[in-house]
Amino acid sequence: MKQDIIKIIENKEIQLAKLKEHVDKSTICSDLYNKLVIEKAILKKEYENNKKSKIIHNLKKFIPKRERLICDYFSK
């Protein structure tokens, strides 16, 4: 999953580099460039969220769960 996202991000960067030269020449290229920038940002965010969730998931394995009794809710 992560490797696929990384490959797609690299592909988007290559496409952006090619379109950067033609952004000023036409509105279609400009729109496509903006669309690719947004898609790349979404993919980067998805990759970061995947990374964070793995770390949190691994940490939760080591932290013991505190069991709550029903009287714990009424003590406050």
C-alpha atoms as a PDB file:
ATOM      1  CA  MET A   1       0.000   0.000   0.000  1.00  0.00           C
ATOM      2  CA  LYS A   2       2.683   2.494   0.999  1.00  0.00           C
ATOM      3  CA  GLN A   3       4.869   1.598  -1.958  1.00  0.00           C
ATOM      4  CA  ASP A   4       1.953   2.127  -4.333  1.00  0.00           C
ATOM      5  CA  ILE A   5       1.271   5.572  -2.885  1.00  0.00           C
ATOM      6  CA  ILE A   6       4.953   6.506  -3.150  1.00  0.00           C
ATOM      7  CA  LYS A   7       5.054   5.420  -6.810  1.00  0.00           C
ATOM      8  CA  ILE A   8       1.920   7.398  -7.616  1.00  0.00           C
ATOM      9  CA  ILE A   9       3.360  10.499  -5.899  1.00  0.00           C
ATOM     10  CA  GLU A  10       6.568  10.170  -7.919  1.00  0.00           C
ATOM     11  CA  ASN A  11       4.511   9.829 -11.102  1.00  0.00           C
ATOM     12  CA  LYS A  12       2.567  12.996 -10.206  1.00  0.00           C
ATOM     13  CA  GLU A  13       5.851  14.860  -9.636  1.00  0.00           C
ATOM     14  CA  ILE A  14       7.079  13.849 -13.095  1.00  0.00           C
ATOM     15  CA  GLN A  15       3.811  15.010 -14.661  1.00  0.00           C
ATOM     16  CA  LEU A  16       4.019  18.306 -12.762  1.00  0.00           C
ATOM     17  CA  ALA A  17       7.560  18.892 -13.971  1.00  0.00           C
ATOM     18  CA  LYS A  18       6.471  18.382 -17.585  1.00  0.00           C
ATOM     19  CA  LEU A  19       3.425  20.638 -17.237  1.00  0.00           C
ATOM     20  CA  LYS A  20       5.270  23.408 -15.425  1.00  0.00           C
ATOM     21  CA  GLU A  21       6.750  24.620 -18.707  1.00  0.00           C
ATOM     22  CA  HIS A  22       3.317  24.973 -20.319  1.00  0.00           C
ATOM     23  CA  VAL A  23       1.306  26.462 -17.446  1.00  0.00           C
ATOM     24  CA  ASP A  24       1.543  30.017 -18.742  1.00  0.00           C
ATOM     25  CA  LYS A  25       0.716  29.070 -22.319  1.00  0.00           C
ATOM     26  CA  SER A  26      -2.832  27.745 -21.934  1.00  0.00           C
ATOM     27  CA  THR A  27      -5.620  27.572 -19.408  1.00  0.00           C
ATOM     28  CA  ILE A  28      -6.091  23.836 -19.960  1.00  0.00           C
ATOM     29  CA  CYS A  29      -2.513  23.153 -18.894  1.00  0.00           C
ATOM     30  CA  SER A  30      -2.944  25.470 -15.945  1.00  0.00           C
ATOM     31  CA  ASP A  31      -6.106  23.676 -14.825  1.00  0.00           C
ATOM     32  CA  LEU A  32      -4.475  20.279 -15.245  1.00  0.00           C
ATOM     33  CA  TYR A  33      -1.427  21.452 -13.293  1.00  0.00           C
ATOM     34  CA  ASN A  34      -3.622  22.657 -10.433  1.00  0.00           C
ATOM     35  CA  LYS A  35      -5.553  19.381 -10.443  1.00  0.00           C
ATOM     36  CA  LEU A  36      -2.303  17.389 -10.224  1.00  0.00           C
ATOM     37  CA  VAL A  37      -1.056  19.547  -7.350  1.00  0.00           C
ATOM     38  CA  ILE A  38      -4.255  18.843  -5.417  1.00  0.00           C
ATOM     39  CA  GLU A  39      -4.096  15.100  -6.153  1.00  0.00           C
ATOM     40  CA  LYS A  40      -0.472  14.992  -5.017  1.00  0.00           C
ATOM     41  CA  ALA A  41      -1.333  16.807  -1.786  1.00  0.00           C
ATOM     42  CA  ILE A  42      -4.167  14.351  -1.093  1.00  0.00           C
ATOM     43  CA  LEU A  43      -1.851  11.394  -1.672  1.00  0.00           C
ATOM     44  CA  LYS A  44       0.803  12.853   0.625  1.00  0.00           C
ATOM     45  CA  LYS A  45      -1.785  13.368   3.361  1.00  0.00           C
ATOM     46  CA  GLU A  46      -3.033   9.805   2.920  1.00  0.00           C
ATOM     47  CA  TYR A  47       0.543   8.515   3.175  1.00  0.00           C
ATOM     48  CA  GLU A  48       1.153  10.521   6.368  1.00  0.00           C
ATOM     49  CA  ASN A  49      -2.088   9.276   7.916  1.00  0.00           C
ATOM     50  CA  ASN A  50      -1.121   5.697   7.068  1.00  0.00           C
ATOM     51  CA  LYS A  51       2.245   6.231   8.677  1.00  0.00           C
ATOM     52  CA  LYS A  52       0.795   7.790  11.825  1.00  0.00           C
ATOM     53  CA  SER A  53      -1.849   5.147  12.263  1.00  0.00           C
ATOM     54  CA  LYS A  54       0.784   2.398  12.091  1.00  0.00           C
ATOM     55  CA  ILE A  55       2.844   4.081  14.820  1.00  0.00           C
ATOM     56  CA  ILE A  56      -0.189   4.617  17.032  1.00  0.00           C
ATOM     57  CA  HIS A  57      -1.372   1.073  16.410  1.00  0.00           C
ATOM     58  CA  ASN A  58       2.024  -0.313  17.432  1.00  0.00           C
ATOM     59  CA  LEU A  59       2.106   1.840  20.566  1.00  0.00           C
ATOM     60  CA  LYS A  60      -1.355   0.706  21.615  1.00  0.00           C
ATOM     61  CA  LYS A  61      -0.119  -2.881  21.654  1.00  0.00           C
ATOM     62  CA  PHE A  62       2.381  -2.077  24.405  1.00  0.00           C
ATOM     63  CA  ILE A  63       0.209   0.143  26.578  1.00  0.00           C
ATOM     64  CA  PRO A  64      -1.950  -1.905  28.920  1.00  0.00           C
ATOM     65  CA  LYS A  65      -5.641  -1.103  28.894  1.00  0.00           C
ATOM     66  CA  ARG A  66      -7.148   0.159  32.102  1.00  0.00           C
ATOM     67  CA  GLU A  67     -10.393  -1.539  32.778  1.00  0.00           C
ATOM     68  CA  ARG A  68     -13.120   0.705  34.136  1.00  0.00           C
ATOM     69  CA  LEU A  69     -15.705  -0.378  36.580  1.00  0.00           C
ATOM     70  CA  ILE A  70     -19.181   1.039  36.644  1.00  0.00           C
ATOM     71  CA  CYS A  71     -18.439   2.708  39.986  1.00  0.00           C
ATOM     72  CA  ASP A  72     -15.620   4.694  38.306  1.00  0.00           C
ATOM     73  CA  TYR A  73     -18.192   6.648  36.332  1.00  0.00           C
ATOM     74  CA  PHE A  74     -20.162   7.674  39.440  1.00  0.00           C
ATOM     75  CA  SER A  75     -17.233   8.544  41.681  1.00  0.00           C
ATOM     76  CA  LYS A  76     -16.779  12.018  40.177  1.00  0.00           C
END
